[in-house]
Amino acid sequence: MIEFAAVEDNRILIDGLRAWAGTLPDMRLTVVAATVDELLGGIAAPHDVVLLNPLLRAAPDPASNVRRLIAAGNRVLVVDGSADLASVAPSLAAGAHGYLTRDHDAAALAATMRSIAAGGN
């Protein structure tokens, strides 16, 4: 079972993520946090994958967020609305395990998360 978390502050996306996660027999959404601080303050063990919105209102430095999540033992998938690689380059340089634009479908998200959880990028 892949246990994943999400750091997201968009309530509509959170509701959709929770509904989608309930349809996955091999994955479980364990927590949704609005900030990296909130996620790291409430977990006892790392997650297999953390979905990270790089444009969080409360903590807008995606590279720092990626580094902190990785330092806590998490694998990070950045999910962003932009296809501009220059905007995601700092997150990837900070060690993010993957990047997916929001125009991908749920099947692509699940496949990417499975790959990352298995040790791939």
Protein backbone atom coordinates (compact mmCIF):
# COMPACT_ATOMS: atom_id res chain seq x y z
CA MET A 1 0.00 0.00 0.00
CA ILE A 2 1.40 3.38 -1.03
CA GLU A 3 0.73 5.99 1.62
CA PHE A 4 0.82 9.52 0.32
CA ALA A 5 0.28 13.01 1.61
CA ALA A 6 -0.49 16.27 -0.10
CA VAL A 7 0.63 19.80 0.65
CA GLU A 8 -2.08 21.86 -0.98
CA ASP A 9 -4.00 24.98 0.00
CA ASN A 10 -6.65 25.00 -2.74
CA ARG A 11 -9.81 23.59 -1.14
CA ILE A 12 -11.43 22.59 -4.45
CA LEU A 13 -8.36 20.58 -5.42
CA ILE A 14 -8.24 19.02 -1.95
CA ASP A 15 -11.84 17.80 -2.26
CA GLY A 16 -11.11 16.32 -5.69
CA LEU A 17 -7.92 14.69 -4.45
CA ARG A 18 -9.71 13.07 -1.53
CA ALA A 19 -12.49 11.76 -3.78
CA TRP A 20 -9.98 10.39 -6.30
CA ALA A 21 -7.81 8.80 -3.62
CA GLY A 22 -10.82 6.85 -2.38
CA THR A 23 -10.96 5.01 -5.71
CA LEU A 24 -7.38 3.70 -5.57
CA PRO A 25 -7.06 0.19 -4.16
CA ASP A 26 -3.26 0.39 -3.78
CA MET A 27 -2.91 3.91 -2.40
CA ARG A 28 -4.08 5.73 0.68
CA LEU A 29 -4.16 9.48 1.22
CA THR A 30 -3.07 9.83 4.83
CA VAL A 31 -3.06 13.59 5.28
CA VAL A 32 -3.59 16.88 3.49
CA ALA A 33 -1.80 19.90 4.90
CA ALA A 34 -1.89 23.53 3.82
CA THR A 35 1.83 24.03 4.48
CA VAL A 36 5.01 21.99 4.77
CA ASP A 37 5.26 23.11 8.42
CA GLU A 38 1.83 21.65 9.10
CA LEU A 39 2.69 18.36 7.41
CA LEU A 40 6.07 17.95 9.09
CA GLY A 41 4.68 18.94 12.48
CA GLY A 42 2.06 16.22 12.41
CA ILE A 43 3.75 13.14 10.98
CA ALA A 44 5.48 10.36 12.84
CA ALA A 45 7.00 8.72 9.77
CA PRO A 46 7.73 9.77 6.19
CA HIS A 47 5.21 9.16 3.43
CA ASP A 48 5.93 7.11 0.32
CA VAL A 49 5.12 10.19 -1.78
CA VAL A 50 4.21 13.77 -0.96
CA LEU A 51 2.33 15.75 -3.60
CA LEU A 52 3.50 19.34 -3.38
CA ASN A 53 1.86 22.44 -4.81
CA PRO A 54 4.85 24.72 -5.49
CA LEU A 55 2.72 27.86 -5.29
CA LEU A 56 1.53 27.72 -1.71
CA ARG A 57 0.29 31.07 -0.46
CA ALA A 58 1.79 30.69 3.04
CA ALA A 59 5.20 29.31 1.99
CA PRO A 60 6.05 30.39 -1.54
CA ASP A 61 9.61 28.99 -1.76
CA PRO A 62 9.15 25.64 -3.52
CA ALA A 63 12.84 24.69 -3.46
CA SER A 64 13.00 25.14 0.30
CA ASN A 65 9.80 23.12 0.72
CA VAL A 66 11.21 20.30 -1.40
CA ARG A 67 14.47 20.24 0.58
CA ARG A 68 12.61 20.14 3.90
CA LEU A 69 10.33 17.32 2.80
CA ILE A 70 13.25 15.28 1.49
CA ALA A 71 15.27 15.92 4.65
CA ALA A 72 12.35 14.41 6.60
CA GLY A 73 12.59 11.24 4.47
CA ASN A 74 9.81 11.89 1.96
CA ARG A 75 9.82 11.46 -1.81
CA VAL A 76 8.32 14.55 -3.48
CA LEU A 77 6.19 14.93 -6.58
CA VAL A 78 5.62 18.56 -7.57
CA VAL A 79 2.22 19.09 -9.19
CA ASP A 80 1.94 22.47 -10.87
CA GLY A 81 -0.33 24.25 -13.30
CA SER A 82 2.57 25.61 -15.32
CA ALA A 83 4.32 23.76 -18.13
CA ASP A 84 7.15 26.31 -17.98
CA LEU A 85 10.19 24.29 -16.95
CA ALA A 86 11.92 27.44 -15.70
CA SER A 87 9.31 27.70 -12.96
CA VAL A 88 9.85 24.13 -11.77
CA ALA A 89 13.64 24.03 -12.23
CA PRO A 90 14.36 25.18 -8.65
CA SER A 91 12.18 22.36 -7.25
CA LEU A 92 13.91 19.77 -9.42
CA ALA A 93 17.33 21.15 -8.54
CA ALA A 94 16.37 20.88 -4.87
CA GLY A 95 15.80 17.16 -5.37
CA ALA A 96 12.11 16.69 -6.23
CA HIS A 97 11.58 13.15 -7.47
CA GLY A 98 9.17 14.21 -10.18
CA TYR A 99 7.11 16.95 -11.75
CA LEU A 100 3.67 16.72 -13.27
CA THR A 101 1.53 19.46 -14.76
CA ARG A 102 -2.10 19.68 -13.74
CA ASP A 103 -3.21 19.04 -17.30
CA HIS A 104 -2.33 15.33 -16.89
CA ASP A 105 -5.15 12.98 -16.01
CA ALA A 106 -5.60 11.00 -12.80
CA ALA A 107 -4.18 7.84 -14.39
CA ALA A 108 -0.91 9.66 -15.16
CA LEU A 109 -0.78 11.01 -11.61
CA ALA A 110 -1.28 7.53 -10.16
CA ALA A 111 1.33 6.00 -12.49
CA THR A 112 3.87 8.70 -11.59
CA MET A 113 3.22 8.24 -7.88
CA ARG A 114 3.67 4.46 -8.20
CA SER A 115 6.94 4.95 -10.02
CA ILE A 116 8.25 7.38 -7.41
CA ALA A 117 7.15 5.15 -4.52
CA ALA A 118 9.00 2.25 -6.18
CA GLY A 119 12.19 4.30 -6.22
CA GLY A 120 12.02 5.81 -9.69
CA ASN A 121 11.94 9.45 -10.72
